[in-house]
């Protein structure tokens, strides 16, 4: 899961810079419709099926704990932001599998540090 997410879901800095210079050129955001991104999403969805669903949910729960210990700050390097963005993509892709295991408050507390940066 980590290798697939790092390869397909993590955005390269150059793509983000290009997108920031002309965001209307790519309405889906940087890297949103590439073949690699779509293949990564299919890979994650395949991992979310039995018999790998339970280990994937456990892996994501462990990653959530790790990410909560390292909230984003405005001074973080691009790599930290890209890692968090890739993880948020993973959470989004695995929402159906995670929903029975997580309370809304848990998800809210996970995203609030990132939302605070937007203010």
Protein backbone atom coordinates (compact mmCIF):
# COMPACT_ATOMS: atom_id res chain seq x y z
CA UNK A 1 0.00 0.00 0.00
CA UNK A 2 2.76 2.46 0.93
CA UNK A 3 4.66 1.93 -2.32
CA UNK A 4 1.52 2.20 -4.44
CA UNK A 5 0.43 5.39 -2.68
CA UNK A 6 3.89 6.93 -2.92
CA UNK A 7 4.10 6.15 -6.62
CA UNK A 8 0.58 6.96 -7.74
CA UNK A 9 -1.15 9.17 -5.17
CA UNK A 10 1.69 11.47 -4.09
CA UNK A 11 1.96 14.58 -6.25
CA UNK A 12 5.34 15.65 -7.62
CA UNK A 13 6.33 19.21 -6.66
CA UNK A 14 6.77 20.19 -10.31
CA UNK A 15 3.17 19.25 -11.14
CA UNK A 16 1.88 21.27 -8.20
CA UNK A 17 3.95 24.31 -9.25
CA UNK A 18 2.63 24.02 -12.83
CA UNK A 19 -0.93 23.75 -11.55
CA UNK A 20 -0.54 26.73 -9.22
CA UNK A 21 0.69 28.84 -12.12
CA UNK A 22 -2.44 28.01 -14.19
CA UNK A 23 -5.10 26.18 -12.09
CA UNK A 24 -7.81 26.57 -14.73
CA UNK A 25 -5.76 24.44 -17.12
CA UNK A 26 -6.35 21.35 -14.95
CA UNK A 27 -9.75 21.49 -13.30
CA UNK A 28 -9.22 18.18 -11.48
CA UNK A 29 -6.08 19.48 -9.84
CA UNK A 30 -2.49 18.45 -10.39
CA UNK A 31 -2.10 14.84 -11.45
CA UNK A 32 -5.83 14.23 -11.13
CA UNK A 33 -6.45 12.41 -14.39
CA UNK A 34 -3.13 10.79 -15.22
CA UNK A 35 -2.92 7.12 -16.11
CA UNK A 36 -0.62 6.57 -13.13
CA UNK A 37 -3.09 8.19 -10.73
CA UNK A 38 -5.99 6.16 -12.08
CA UNK A 39 -3.95 2.95 -11.90
CA UNK A 40 -3.05 3.78 -8.28
CA UNK A 41 -6.70 4.31 -7.42
CA UNK A 42 -7.60 0.95 -8.98
CA UNK A 43 -4.74 -0.65 -7.03
CA UNK A 44 -6.03 0.74 -3.73
CA UNK A 45 -9.59 -0.36 -4.52
CA UNK A 46 -8.28 -3.87 -5.28
CA UNK A 47 -6.48 -3.93 -1.92
CA UNK A 48 -9.74 -2.95 -0.24
CA UNK A 49 -11.34 -6.27 -1.21
CA UNK A 50 -11.27 -9.51 0.77
CA UNK A 51 -8.96 -11.08 1.89
CA UNK A 52 -6.90 -7.87 2.13
CA UNK A 53 -9.61 -5.55 3.49
CA UNK A 54 -8.93 -6.16 7.21
CA UNK A 55 -5.14 -5.70 6.93
CA UNK A 56 -5.68 -2.54 4.87
CA UNK A 57 -8.06 -1.08 7.46
CA UNK A 58 -5.51 -1.88 10.20
CA UNK A 59 -2.74 -0.27 8.17
CA UNK A 60 -4.82 2.88 7.66
CA UNK A 61 -5.68 3.01 11.37
CA UNK A 62 -1.98 2.83 12.22
CA UNK A 63 -1.20 5.56 9.68
CA UNK A 64 -3.96 7.75 11.12
CA UNK A 65 -2.35 7.48 14.56
CA UNK A 66 1.03 8.39 13.07
CA UNK A 67 -0.37 11.32 11.11
CA UNK A 68 -2.23 12.67 14.16
CA UNK A 69 1.07 12.79 16.01
CA UNK A 70 2.51 14.98 13.22
CA UNK A 71 -0.05 17.68 12.34
CA UNK A 72 0.81 19.93 9.42
CA UNK A 73 2.18 23.38 10.03
CA UNK A 74 2.64 26.28 7.65
CA UNK A 75 6.41 25.79 7.78
CA UNK A 76 6.34 22.12 6.69
CA UNK A 77 8.30 21.13 3.62
CA UNK A 78 6.48 20.16 0.46
CA UNK A 79 7.23 16.47 1.07
CA UNK A 80 5.27 16.49 4.35
CA UNK A 81 2.31 18.17 2.67
CA UNK A 82 2.46 15.75 -0.29
CA UNK A 83 2.58 12.77 2.10
CA UNK A 84 -0.49 14.05 3.97
CA UNK A 85 -2.31 14.75 0.68
CA UNK A 86 -1.61 11.22 -0.55
CA UNK A 87 -2.91 9.83 2.73
CA UNK A 88 -6.09 11.91 2.46
CA UNK A 89 -6.56 10.45 -1.02
CA UNK A 90 -6.14 6.97 0.44
CA UNK A 91 -8.74 7.73 3.12
CA UNK A 92 -11.14 8.94 0.46
CA UNK A 93 -10.66 5.85 -1.68
CA UNK A 94 -11.17 3.53 1.31
CA UNK A 95 -14.11 5.36 2.87
CA UNK A 96 -16.58 2.46 2.37
CA UNK A 97 -14.23 0.08 4.21
CA UNK A 98 -13.39 2.58 6.97
CA UNK A 99 -16.88 3.88 7.67
CA UNK A 100 -17.96 0.95 9.91
CA UNK A 101 -14.80 1.33 12.01
CA UNK A 102 -14.54 5.10 12.51
CA UNK A 103 -16.71 7.66 14.20
CA UNK A 104 -17.27 11.00 12.51
CA UNK A 105 -15.38 12.73 15.31
CA UNK A 106 -12.26 10.69 14.53
CA UNK A 107 -12.29 11.73 10.90
CA UNK A 108 -12.98 15.34 11.85
CA UNK A 109 -10.10 15.46 14.31
CA UNK A 110 -7.82 14.02 11.64
CA UNK A 111 -8.64 16.69 9.06
CA UNK A 112 -8.87 19.72 11.35
CA UNK A 113 -5.08 20.46 11.43
CA UNK A 114 -5.02 20.57 7.62
CA UNK A 115 -8.15 22.73 7.52
CA UNK A 116 -6.60 25.16 9.99
CA UNK A 117 -3.80 25.90 7.50
CA UNK A 118 -6.35 27.26 5.04
CA UNK A 119 -7.45 29.97 7.45
